[in-house]
C-alpha cells in the first residue's frame, strides 16, 4: 500500500490492493476519516503504536524504516479479536523545509501484514456464547 500525504494542502493519495473486490475487507475509498479511525480504535483499544526503527538519511529528504503495532482486542470488520499483537513494517520518505517542518511524507508498506492478523479471528456471526460465558466458534 502506498500513502502520500502533503501537509501544506493535507491531501492523501492512497493506492490499495489489487485483489479482487470480494477479497478486499478494508476499502479506504469507502471509509471516511471518522469511520476508519473508529474501526481501528475498536480493534486496537490500547492504541496502535508507531515507532521509527532506523533513519537512513538526513534532512531535507529523510528516509526511514518504521513499525506500526498494537494488540487486537476488539472487533474488526465483523471478525472477533484474538488478543494477539498485530503489526506491519514499512518505509517512509519525509521531506522537510529549512525549519524542519514536514512538507510531504510518502509511506510504503504491505497491508497484508496488518490485515492478516486483523482477519485471523473467526467471523462474529459464527461465534456463540457458551454456558460458561466463553466465546467459541461454531463448528
Protein backbone atom coordinates (compact mmCIF):
# COMPACT_ATOMS: atom_id res chain seq x y z
CA UNK A 1 0.00 0.00 0.00
CA UNK A 2 1.20 3.49 -0.72
CA UNK A 3 0.13 6.65 1.07
CA UNK A 4 1.25 10.12 0.08
CA UNK A 5 0.35 12.93 2.43
CA UNK A 6 1.13 16.53 1.52
CA UNK A 7 0.94 18.57 4.71
CA UNK A 8 0.53 22.07 3.25
CA UNK A 9 -2.70 21.05 1.50
CA UNK A 10 -3.24 17.89 3.53
CA UNK A 11 -4.13 15.77 0.55
CA UNK A 12 -3.90 11.99 0.80
CA UNK A 13 -3.32 9.68 -2.13
CA UNK A 14 -3.94 6.01 -1.48
CA UNK A 15 -3.07 3.11 -3.73
CA UNK A 16 -4.59 -0.07 -2.35
CA UNK A 17 -4.55 -3.74 -3.01
CA UNK A 18 -5.09 -5.06 -6.48
CA UNK A 19 -7.01 -8.03 -5.07
CA UNK A 20 -10.49 -8.75 -6.45
CA UNK A 21 -13.20 -6.77 -4.62
CA UNK A 22 -14.58 -9.80 -2.74
CA UNK A 23 -11.19 -10.29 -1.02
CA UNK A 24 -10.76 -6.65 0.00
CA UNK A 25 -12.06 -6.49 3.56
CA UNK A 26 -10.92 -2.91 4.11
CA UNK A 27 -11.61 -0.43 1.32
CA UNK A 28 -10.24 3.06 2.09
CA UNK A 29 -12.29 4.60 -0.72
CA UNK A 30 -15.45 3.57 1.15
CA UNK A 31 -14.29 4.89 4.53
CA UNK A 32 -14.45 8.38 5.95
CA UNK A 33 -11.76 9.70 8.26
CA UNK A 34 -14.08 9.01 11.22
CA UNK A 35 -15.21 5.52 10.19
CA UNK A 36 -11.62 4.44 9.53
CA UNK A 37 -10.44 5.66 12.91
CA UNK A 38 -13.45 4.11 14.64
CA UNK A 39 -12.71 0.71 13.04
CA UNK A 40 -9.07 0.72 14.15
CA UNK A 41 -9.77 2.24 17.61
CA UNK A 42 -12.33 -0.50 18.19
CA UNK A 43 -9.96 -3.27 17.05
CA UNK A 44 -6.93 -1.90 18.90
CA UNK A 45 -8.33 -0.36 22.12
CA UNK A 46 -4.90 0.02 23.78
CA UNK A 47 -3.68 2.05 20.82
CA UNK A 48 -1.67 1.50 17.67
CA UNK A 49 1.94 2.45 18.39
CA UNK A 50 4.12 3.82 15.62
CA UNK A 51 7.88 3.78 16.03
CA UNK A 52 10.81 4.68 13.82
CA UNK A 53 13.29 1.80 13.79
CA UNK A 54 16.03 3.24 11.62
CA UNK A 55 16.80 6.53 9.88
CA UNK A 56 18.71 6.18 6.60
CA UNK A 57 19.29 9.80 5.54
CA UNK A 58 19.45 13.36 6.82
CA UNK A 59 17.22 16.38 6.04
CA UNK A 60 15.81 17.72 3.84
CA UNK A 61 14.77 14.28 2.49
CA UNK A 62 14.68 11.75 5.31
CA UNK A 63 14.25 8.05 4.55
CA UNK A 64 13.29 5.79 7.45
CA UNK A 65 12.01 2.34 8.45
CA UNK A 66 9.08 2.09 10.88
CA UNK A 67 6.88 -0.38 12.73
CA UNK A 68 3.16 0.11 13.49
CA UNK A 69 1.76 -2.29 16.10
CA UNK A 70 -0.96 -2.97 18.66
CA UNK A 71 -2.98 -5.73 20.34
CA UNK A 72 -6.08 -6.99 18.53
CA UNK A 73 -8.51 -6.92 21.46
CA UNK A 74 -11.67 -5.55 19.83
CA UNK A 75 -13.70 -6.49 16.76
CA UNK A 76 -12.62 -5.55 13.24
CA UNK A 77 -14.96 -5.62 10.24
CA UNK A 78 -17.01 -8.49 11.66
CA UNK A 79 -14.07 -10.54 12.98
CA UNK A 80 -13.62 -11.50 16.63
CA UNK A 81 -10.44 -10.38 18.41
CA UNK A 82 -7.56 -12.76 19.02
CA UNK A 83 -5.69 -10.80 21.70
CA UNK A 84 -2.53 -11.19 19.63
CA UNK A 85 -0.16 -8.43 18.62
CA UNK A 86 -0.65 -7.27 15.03
CA UNK A 87 1.96 -5.23 13.23
CA UNK A 88 3.47 -4.18 9.96
CA UNK A 89 6.81 -2.77 8.91
CA UNK A 90 7.25 -0.08 6.31
CA UNK A 91 9.45 2.55 4.78
CA UNK A 92 8.86 6.28 4.66
CA UNK A 93 10.30 9.32 2.94
CA UNK A 94 9.78 12.63 4.73
CA UNK A 95 10.55 15.95 3.04
CA UNK A 96 11.08 18.89 5.41
CA UNK A 97 11.65 22.60 4.91
CA UNK A 98 14.57 24.65 6.28
CA UNK A 99 12.76 24.89 9.67
CA UNK A 100 12.41 21.06 9.72
CA UNK A 101 8.62 21.29 9.30
CA UNK A 102 7.13 18.41 7.34
CA UNK A 103 6.18 19.28 3.77
CA UNK A 104 5.46 15.84 2.35
CA UNK A 105 5.59 12.24 3.50
CA UNK A 106 5.34 9.05 1.49
CA UNK A 107 4.68 5.76 3.31
CA UNK A 108 5.17 2.31 1.78
CA UNK A 109 4.05 -0.98 3.38
CA UNK A 110 2.31 -4.28 2.72
CA UNK A 111 -1.26 -4.10 4.11
CA UNK A 112 -1.42 -7.91 4.16
CA UNK A 113 0.89 -7.91 7.19
CA UNK A 114 -1.71 -5.99 9.21
CA UNK A 115 -4.97 -7.30 7.77
CA UNK A 116 -3.82 -10.91 8.01
CA UNK A 117 -3.77 -10.51 11.78
CA UNK A 118 -7.00 -8.50 11.95
CA UNK A 119 -8.92 -11.08 9.91
CA UNK A 120 -7.47 -14.07 11.76
CA UNK A 121 -10.29 -14.25 14.32
CA UNK A 122 -13.50 -16.08 13.39
CA UNK A 123 -16.32 -14.07 11.86
CA UNK A 124 -18.53 -12.77 14.67
CA UNK A 125 -21.64 -14.27 13.09
CA UNK A 126 -20.04 -17.68 13.73
CA UNK A 127 -19.36 -17.11 17.43
CA UNK A 128 -21.70 -18.04 20.24
CA UNK A 129 -21.57 -17.74 23.99
CA UNK A 130 -21.42 -20.98 25.97
CA UNK A 131 -22.88 -21.57 29.44
CA UNK A 132 -19.50 -20.57 30.92
CA UNK A 133 -19.58 -17.25 29.08
CA UNK A 134 -16.66 -18.18 26.80
CA UNK A 135 -16.85 -17.17 23.15
CA UNK A 136 -16.23 -20.11 20.87
CA UNK A 137 -16.52 -20.57 17.15
CA UNK A 138 -19.31 -22.85 15.93
CA UNK A 139 -18.15 -25.91 14.04
